[in-house]
Structures are given as C-alpha cells and as structure tokens.
Protein backbone atom coordinates (compact mmCIF):
# COMPACT_ATOMS: atom_id res chain seq x y z
CA MET A 1 77.98 128.10 133.75
CA THR A 2 78.04 129.60 130.39
CA LYS A 3 74.54 129.19 128.75
CA HIS A 4 74.88 128.78 124.59
CA ALA A 5 71.98 130.78 123.17
CA TYR A 6 69.93 128.40 121.40
CA VAL A 7 70.70 127.83 117.35
CA GLU A 8 68.17 127.26 115.11
CA PRO A 9 68.49 123.87 113.01
CA ILE A 10 69.15 125.30 109.63
CA LEU A 11 66.39 123.43 108.00
CA GLU A 12 63.56 124.41 110.29
CA LYS A 13 64.65 128.39 109.85
CA MET A 14 64.52 127.37 105.96
CA ALA A 15 60.65 126.32 106.51
CA ARG A 16 60.72 129.65 108.70
CA ILE A 17 61.66 131.89 106.53
CA ASN A 18 58.88 130.89 103.82
CA ASP A 19 56.66 131.14 106.49
CA LEU A 20 57.62 134.23 107.57
CA ILE A 21 56.92 135.93 103.84
CA ASP A 22 53.77 134.27 103.42
CA ALA A 23 52.34 135.81 106.72
CA THR A 24 53.40 139.04 106.21
CA LEU A 25 53.57 139.49 102.08
CA GLY A 26 50.94 136.92 101.75
CA ILE A 27 53.07 134.92 99.26
CA GLU A 28 53.44 131.21 98.96
CA LEU A 29 56.81 130.44 97.97
CA THR A 30 57.08 127.38 95.32
CA ASP A 31 60.01 125.99 93.38
CA GLU A 32 59.42 128.20 90.92
CA ASP A 33 60.18 131.16 92.88
CA PHE A 34 63.95 130.02 93.22
CA SER A 35 64.72 128.26 89.37
CA ASP A 36 67.44 131.51 89.12
CA GLY A 37 69.27 130.42 92.21
CA ARG A 38 68.47 126.57 92.71
CA GLU A 39 71.43 125.16 91.10
CA GLU A 40 73.93 127.25 93.21
CA LEU A 41 71.78 126.48 96.50
CA LEU A 42 71.57 123.00 95.81
CA HIS A 43 75.80 123.32 95.26
CA ILE A 44 76.23 124.99 98.39
CA TYR A 45 73.77 122.66 100.58
CA CYS A 46 75.56 119.42 98.76
CA HIS A 47 79.58 121.07 99.20
CA GLU A 48 78.27 121.80 102.87
CA ALA A 49 76.64 118.49 103.68
CA CYS A 50 79.85 116.45 102.71
CA HIS A 51 81.89 118.59 104.69
CA ALA A 52 79.52 117.86 107.82
CA ALA A 53 79.51 113.71 106.60
CA LEU A 54 83.51 113.87 107.09
CA ALA A 55 83.25 116.01 110.56
CA HIS A 56 80.94 112.71 111.55
CA CYS A 57 83.22 110.38 110.19
CA VAL A 58 86.49 111.35 110.56
CA PRO A 59 86.51 113.39 113.94
CA TRP A 60 89.98 113.52 113.96
CA LEU A 61 90.68 115.48 111.47
CA HIS A 62 90.39 118.66 113.75
CA ASP A 63 93.48 117.46 115.51
CA LEU A 64 95.64 118.24 112.27
CA PRO A 65 97.85 121.27 111.97
CA GLU A 66 95.40 123.89 110.09
CA SER A 67 97.12 123.60 106.76
CA GLU A 68 96.68 119.63 106.96
CA HIS A 69 92.99 120.02 107.68
CA THR A 70 92.40 122.28 105.44
CA LEU A 71 93.95 119.95 102.23
CA VAL A 72 92.27 116.54 103.51
CA ASP A 73 88.88 117.82 104.28
CA GLU A 74 88.87 120.14 101.17
CA VAL A 75 90.07 116.96 98.84
CA LEU A 76 87.65 114.21 100.56
CA ALA A 77 84.70 116.68 100.54
CA ARG A 78 85.50 117.25 96.95
CA LEU A 79 85.57 113.36 96.52
CA LEU A 80 82.13 113.10 97.92
CA GLU A 81 80.81 115.44 95.70
CA LYS A 82 82.12 114.38 92.74
CA VAL A 83 79.82 110.78 93.72
CA PHE A 84 76.37 112.72 94.92
CA ALA A 85 76.43 115.44 92.45
CA PRO A 86 76.05 113.42 89.42
CA ARG A 87 73.14 111.64 91.22
CA LEU A 88 71.46 114.61 92.13
CA GLY A 89 71.82 115.99 88.63
CA LEU A 90 73.79 119.07 90.21
CA PHE A 91 76.63 120.76 88.19
CA LEU A 92 80.03 119.99 89.64
CA HIS A 93 83.05 122.11 88.77
CA SER A 94 85.75 120.58 86.75
CA ASP A 95 88.73 119.18 88.56
CA ASP A 96 91.02 121.64 87.44
CA GLU A 97 88.69 124.34 88.82
CA PHE A 98 88.73 122.70 91.86
CA LEU A 99 92.58 122.82 92.00
CA VAL A 100 92.29 126.64 91.08
CA GLU A 101 89.96 127.34 93.84
CA LEU A 102 91.81 124.91 96.36
CA SER A 103 94.76 127.49 95.72
CA MET A 104 93.24 130.43 97.19
CA TYR A 105 94.41 128.48 100.59
CA PRO A 106 98.08 128.70 101.76
CA VAL A 107 98.26 125.19 100.47
CA ASP A 108 99.73 122.94 97.44
CA LEU A 109 98.32 120.07 95.77
CA PRO A 110 99.76 119.34 92.31
CA SER A 111 97.06 118.12 89.38
CA GLY A 112 99.11 114.46 89.53
CA THR A 113 98.62 113.89 93.26
CA PHE A 114 95.22 114.66 93.11
CA GLU A 115 94.74 112.20 90.15
CA ARG A 116 96.39 109.55 92.18
CA LEU A 117 94.13 110.34 95.30
CA ASP A 118 90.78 110.29 92.83
CA ALA A 119 91.79 107.08 91.11
CA ALA A 120 92.80 105.19 95.27
CA TRP A 121 89.46 106.63 96.09
CA GLN A 122 87.23 104.79 93.43
CA SER A 123 89.10 101.87 93.19
CA THR A 124 89.70 101.75 97.25
CA PHE A 125 88.27 103.20 99.38
CA TRP A 126 84.63 104.46 98.15
CA PRO A 127 83.81 101.20 97.02
CA ARG A 128 84.10 100.39 101.11
CA GLN A 129 82.93 103.90 101.79
CA ASP A 130 86.16 104.02 103.95
CA LEU A 131 86.12 107.78 104.62
CA ASP A 132 88.82 107.27 107.44
CA GLY A 133 91.48 104.84 105.36
CA MET A 134 90.78 107.75 102.75
CA ALA A 135 91.73 110.48 105.16
CA VAL A 136 94.76 108.74 106.48
CA TYR A 137 96.01 107.74 103.01
CA THR A 138 95.21 111.30 101.74
CA LEU A 139 97.11 112.88 104.69
CA MET A 140 100.53 110.25 104.05
CA THR A 141 100.40 111.42 100.34
CA LEU A 142 100.10 114.87 101.18
CA ARG A 143 103.23 114.12 103.32
CA HIS A 144 105.33 111.34 101.90
CA GLY A 145 104.32 112.13 97.90
CA GLU A 146 103.77 108.95 96.14
CA LEU A 147 103.24 105.83 98.32
CA VAL A 148 104.05 101.78 97.90
CA TYR A 149 103.47 98.97 99.67
CA HIS A 150 104.94 95.60 101.02
CA ILE A 151 103.68 92.71 102.90
CA LEU A 152 105.94 90.90 104.84
CA PRO A 153 106.42 88.38 108.28
CA ARG A 154 107.08 90.44 111.12
CA ALA A 155 110.16 88.12 112.05
CA ASP A 156 111.41 89.61 108.68
CA TRP A 157 111.20 93.08 109.64
CA LYS A 158 113.14 92.51 112.69
CA ALA A 159 115.63 90.99 110.69
CA ALA A 160 115.75 93.92 108.31
CA LYS A 161 116.26 96.49 111.17
CA LYS A 162 119.07 94.76 112.70
CA ALA A 163 120.34 94.29 109.29
CA GLY A 164 120.11 98.23 108.78
CA ALA A 165 118.24 97.56 105.51
CA TYR A 166 115.89 94.50 103.95
CA ARG A 167 116.65 92.47 101.38
CA PRO A 168 114.01 89.28 101.12
CA ALA A 169 114.79 86.16 99.11
CA SER A 170 113.29 87.78 96.39
CA LEU A 171 115.67 90.20 95.84
CA LYS A 172 118.45 87.92 95.04
CA ASP A 173 116.22 84.88 93.78
CA GLN A 174 114.67 87.55 90.96
CA GLY A 175 116.44 90.57 91.22
CA PHE A 176 113.87 92.68 92.94
CA ILE A 177 111.63 93.33 95.90
CA HIS A 178 107.74 93.09 94.98
CA PHE A 179 105.81 96.10 95.81
CA SER A 180 102.09 96.95 95.52
CA ARG A 181 100.01 100.11 94.91
CA VAL A 182 97.30 100.95 96.93
CA GLU A 183 94.45 99.28 94.87
CA GLN A 184 96.96 96.53 94.74
CA VAL A 185 97.18 95.43 98.39
CA LEU A 186 94.31 93.43 98.82
CA PRO A 187 94.07 91.10 96.41
CA VAL A 188 97.87 90.67 96.76
CA ALA A 189 96.98 89.69 100.63
CA ALA A 190 94.21 87.44 99.42
CA ASN A 191 96.18 85.55 96.93
CA PHE A 192 99.52 85.20 98.23
CA TYR A 193 99.23 85.26 102.20
CA SER A 194 95.71 84.21 103.37
CA ALA A 195 97.17 81.35 105.24
CA GLN A 196 99.98 83.41 106.84
CA ARG A 197 99.55 85.25 110.39
CA ASP A 198 101.74 87.96 112.38
CA LEU A 199 102.20 90.18 109.18
CA LEU A 200 103.10 93.70 108.73
CA LEU A 201 102.04 96.23 106.14
CA LEU A 202 104.62 98.68 105.37
CA THR A 203 104.18 101.80 103.72
CA ILE A 204 106.81 103.20 101.43
CA ALA A 205 107.68 106.74 100.40
CA VAL A 206 108.76 106.26 96.94
CA GLU A 207 111.27 109.53 96.83
CA LYS A 208 112.93 108.56 99.77
CA LEU A 209 114.07 105.13 97.96
CA GLU A 210 117.71 104.89 97.33
CA GLY A 211 117.07 102.23 94.59
CA GLU A 212 115.52 102.01 91.12
CA ILE A 213 111.72 101.40 91.13
CA ILE A 214 109.91 100.36 87.81
CA TYR A 215 106.45 99.71 87.42
CA GLU A 216 106.25 96.60 85.13
CA ASP A 217 103.53 93.93 83.77
CA LEU A 218 105.54 90.70 84.23
CA LEU A 219 102.87 88.16 84.23
CA GLY A 220 101.12 89.73 81.01
CA GLU A 221 98.39 90.47 83.07
CA GLY A 222 97.47 94.10 82.17
CA GLN A 223 98.63 95.24 85.57
CA ARG A 224 101.81 96.80 86.64
CA PHE A 225 103.28 96.63 89.75
CA PRO A 226 106.43 98.70 91.64
CA HIS A 227 109.33 96.14 91.79
CA LEU A 228 112.54 97.94 93.84
CA TYR A 229 115.83 96.31 92.11
CA ASP A 230 117.91 97.21 95.31
CA ALA A 231 117.59 96.48 98.85
CA LEU A 232 114.92 98.84 100.43
CA ASN A 233 116.47 101.75 102.84
CA LEU A 234 114.58 101.29 105.98
CA ASP A 235 114.48 105.41 106.05
CA ALA A 236 112.14 105.30 102.94
CA VAL A 237 109.67 103.20 105.14
CA VAL A 238 107.18 105.70 106.81
CA ALA A 239 104.49 103.70 108.77
CA VAL A 240 104.89 100.19 110.01
CA LYS A 241 100.79 98.60 110.76
CA GLU A 242 100.09 94.92 111.73
CA PHE A 243 97.80 93.43 109.01
CA ILE A 244 95.31 91.29 110.29
CA GLN A 245 92.53 89.09 108.63
CA ASP A 246 88.96 89.58 109.95
CA GLU A 247 86.75 86.32 111.60
CA ALA A 248 85.79 85.60 107.73
CA GLY A 249 89.56 85.69 106.75
CA THR A 250 89.44 88.52 105.15
CA PHE A 251 92.40 91.51 105.12
CA ARG A 252 91.50 94.94 106.29
CA LEU A 253 94.06 98.05 105.28
CA PRO A 254 95.01 98.85 108.63
CA TYR A 255 94.02 102.47 108.53
CA THR A 256 91.66 102.32 111.27
CA GLN A 257 93.88 103.92 114.13
CA PRO A 258 94.78 107.37 112.89
CA LYS A 259 96.73 108.61 116.02
CA GLY A 260 99.50 106.25 115.10
CA TRP A 261 99.87 108.12 111.77
CA LYS A 262 100.30 111.51 113.39
C-alpha cells in the first residue's frame, strides 16, 4: 500500500511560518508587516477559496474535458469573487481584465456571452445559491450559445416527436410560440402551470432555430419575452428535462443531475 506524505494544512503552515520567524529571529510579525502585499495575498486567497468551494459544490466539473472544465470553473470562480470581494473590501479586476486573463488559456469566451452568464447568475442562480445549476447553465451556454426555454406537457412533446416538429395551439392562434429566458422560466411556471402535472422543460439553442425569434413586450409590462414565429424544429432542442414541483408546490429548475447534460 502506498503511503501518502502528510501535507500540513495551509492555515497551520502560515501560522508556523510566523512562529518560526519569531523563534529564530525574535520578530513577532503583525498585520502592518504585510501592508505592501496584503491586498495581493487576500485576493489570491479569495480566488483559491472560490475554486475550492466549487470543487466541493460541483464535483462533476472534474469529469468534463479539460477545456470545458477550465472555462466553467474559471467563470463560476469569477462570479463568486464578484459576490465576496466587495463584502471583504478587496480590489477586483474588471470583467474585461478577467476575459483578457482567461484568453491565456486555450479557450474562448466572448464578452457578450459572459454578460449573459453574469445576468443569469445575478437574477436566477445566486439568489438560490445554486452553484450546480449555474455550472450546468454555463456549460450549456458554452456548448450551444444563447438559450431559451419552453414548458409543455409531456404528451405534447411526444406528439411533436411523432410529427417531426412542434406546433402548439399558440402558433395558430397567436402566430408564435412562447419562449422564456432562464430568469423568466420560474415566474412563468408559477403563473401559468401551477395546476398542471407531467410537464417538461425544453432547452433550445437560438442559433439552431430555423424560424425567426423576436424578443418583445406584448403586454407592456417592461419585460421582453422571446417568441418564435414559426414551428420549432426539434434539432434546436438541446435538452429535455422533467419539470416538477416540490412538496410546497414550488417549481425548481431541473439542473441538479449533470450526467444527463454530457
């Protein structure tokens, strides 16, 4: 059996460094001695702590190909830093600087894509502290580009697969299919689907749609919804998940089983 060498915990080792300096040189270090490098040390620690938190909360990231793992891990660590750094009074580089640093890896993340991820994080995932869901949403965005969503009964999806395209009643009656952005899914579900069961949530890649999609505020409520003015071609659907309510009747985004997203 291979014996692993004991690795001293980093916090204990940092304290022991101070003790060693005190014991050998008679100098008791204080916070003032680190004034020049204090911000840098704290920033590095915050950054590494965010990565460590992700490793605990989203362990399946390590199963991804290296390039995808790097991108998702770095994006989520950045989003966590944007939450924690201001609370700690720490300096944080701008998003543009982050993207420049990220370009040093063999990955590509356009600024517009990061802006969409950041918006979804702030509106939908961080309020629920749903790191797993944000990781899946990030992965799907990186793989497929901009995403929209549609809720429908399972029977309607079966009929669509048999027909080769999805043409709900709204397409005939209103001229379009109702879609939602990720932050709109749960409010739409609560307002219109709370009494229904056996529902599915479709994740749709906008770039793969054959018909025209328009974002518009038809109700004058200050919120623009994506509408597809054509039938939904099924190859644009990149994921189909059961969309269920918990015991309290609250819908949850079905992003907790990442193996189904590989």
